[in-house]
Amino acid sequence: MTLTADLIWHIIPSVKGKLIQHLKIREDNGNIVEIKMWDVKPSLDKLHGYKYSLVYIAKGKRVIGYDNAEGQGDHKHYRDKIEPYTFKDLNTLAEDFYEDMERFKEGKL
């Protein structure tokens, strides 16, 4: 199987930690919201002790994503752009993600 850039982003290696939340929702229009959060041992790139991946997929493409993939630290994706993300706590993370998702749906992002 050949992986394309569209598929690679959502392949998450085995995580050593406790799964806190995994939620996957398919909206009526076919768009997908998927949230995964783990409690992990703090490390240099996860000082807060959480691993997470929050993604909004519209028309088969990731349009918004928040994650802290290995060695990359906390960051967010807006289509093809990547920006640093300042992690505060899991509730703020989810709120920021949902706010961006709503901004996208309103055509403001």
Protein backbone atom coordinates (compact mmCIF):
# COMPACT_ATOMS: atom_id res chain seq x y z
CA MET A 1 0.00 0.00 0.00
CA THR A 2 1.33 3.43 -0.92
CA LEU A 3 0.58 6.18 1.58
CA THR A 4 -0.14 9.66 0.32
CA ALA A 5 0.31 12.85 2.31
CA ASP A 6 -3.46 12.88 2.87
CA LEU A 7 -3.29 9.55 4.68
CA ILE A 8 -0.05 9.81 6.65
CA TRP A 9 -1.22 12.47 9.13
CA HIS A 10 -3.70 10.25 10.89
CA ILE A 11 -1.50 7.20 11.44
CA ILE A 12 -0.62 7.35 15.13
CA PRO A 13 1.96 4.97 16.54
CA SER A 14 1.24 2.94 19.62
CA VAL A 15 1.03 5.29 22.57
CA LYS A 16 2.38 4.33 25.97
CA GLY A 17 -0.11 5.94 28.27
CA LYS A 18 -3.72 5.94 29.37
CA LEU A 19 -6.35 6.87 26.79
CA ILE A 20 -8.42 9.69 28.26
CA GLN A 21 -10.79 10.27 25.37
CA HIS A 22 -11.44 9.00 21.86
CA LEU A 23 -14.34 10.54 20.02
CA LYS A 24 -15.15 10.26 16.33
CA ILE A 25 -18.16 11.98 14.82
CA ARG A 26 -19.32 11.97 11.21
CA GLU A 27 -21.42 15.04 10.53
CA ASP A 28 -24.49 14.92 8.29
CA ASN A 29 -22.45 16.47 5.46
CA GLY A 30 -19.83 13.69 5.74
CA ASN A 31 -17.19 15.78 7.49
CA ILE A 32 -15.37 14.08 10.36
CA VAL A 33 -14.33 15.27 13.81
CA GLU A 34 -11.89 13.02 15.66
CA ILE A 35 -10.39 13.66 19.08
CA LYS A 36 -7.82 11.49 20.85
CA MET A 37 -6.19 12.38 24.17
CA TRP A 38 -3.80 10.34 26.30
CA ASP A 39 -2.24 10.80 29.72
CA VAL A 40 1.46 10.04 29.17
CA LYS A 41 4.70 10.28 31.07
CA PRO A 42 6.04 13.87 30.78
CA SER A 43 8.89 14.21 28.29
CA LEU A 44 10.92 16.97 26.67
CA ASP A 45 8.27 17.55 23.97
CA LYS A 46 5.29 16.82 26.26
CA LEU A 47 6.18 18.56 29.51
CA HIS A 48 2.46 18.73 30.40
CA GLY A 49 2.13 14.93 30.26
CA TYR A 50 -0.50 14.70 27.51
CA LYS A 51 -0.46 13.42 23.96
CA TYR A 52 -3.30 14.57 21.74
CA SER A 53 -4.64 14.64 18.22
CA LEU A 54 -7.73 16.65 17.30
CA VAL A 55 -8.69 16.83 13.65
CA TYR A 56 -11.47 18.18 11.46
CA ILE A 57 -11.73 16.60 8.03
CA ALA A 58 -13.86 18.31 5.37
CA LYS A 59 -14.41 16.74 1.97
CA GLY A 60 -11.75 14.14 2.74
CA LYS A 61 -9.00 16.66 3.62
CA ARG A 62 -7.65 17.72 6.98
CA VAL A 63 -8.52 21.39 7.33
CA ILE A 64 -7.86 21.83 11.06
CA GLY A 65 -5.63 19.79 13.31
CA TYR A 66 -4.11 20.17 16.75
CA ASP A 67 -1.46 17.68 17.84
CA ASN A 68 1.88 17.13 19.49
CA ALA A 69 3.41 14.43 17.33
CA GLU A 70 6.71 12.96 18.50
CA GLY A 71 9.48 15.53 18.46
CA GLN A 72 7.26 18.31 17.08
CA GLY A 73 5.81 19.76 20.26
CA ASP A 74 2.42 21.42 20.52
CA HIS A 75 1.22 22.81 17.19
CA LYS A 76 -1.84 23.32 15.01
CA HIS A 77 -2.59 22.85 11.33
CA TYR A 78 -4.77 25.12 9.22
CA ARG A 79 -4.98 23.38 5.87
CA ASP A 80 -1.31 23.25 4.79
CA LYS A 81 -0.01 25.76 7.35
CA ILE A 82 1.53 24.72 10.67
CA GLU A 83 1.75 27.09 13.65
CA PRO A 84 2.98 26.61 17.21
CA TYR A 85 0.25 26.11 19.81
CA THR A 86 0.55 27.20 23.43
CA PHE A 87 -0.93 24.36 25.47
CA LYS A 88 -2.70 25.42 28.68
CA ASP A 89 -4.89 22.42 29.57
CA LEU A 90 -7.12 19.83 27.87
CA ASN A 91 -10.31 21.88 28.24
CA THR A 92 -8.75 24.94 26.61
CA LEU A 93 -7.31 22.72 23.87
CA ALA A 94 -10.78 21.37 23.05
CA GLU A 95 -12.32 24.86 23.20
CA ASP A 96 -9.68 26.29 20.84
CA PHE A 97 -10.19 23.39 18.42
CA TYR A 98 -13.98 23.76 18.39
CA GLU A 99 -13.71 27.54 17.96
CA ASP A 100 -11.45 27.05 14.93
CA MET A 101 -13.81 24.42 13.56
CA GLU A 102 -16.74 26.86 13.82
CA ARG A 103 -14.67 29.63 12.22
CA PHE A 104 -13.92 27.27 9.33
CA LYS A 105 -17.59 26.38 8.91
CA GLU A 106 -18.43 30.11 8.84
CA GLY A 107 -15.80 30.69 6.14
CA LYS A 108 -13.62 32.78 8.49
CA LEU A 109 -10.65 30.44 8.47
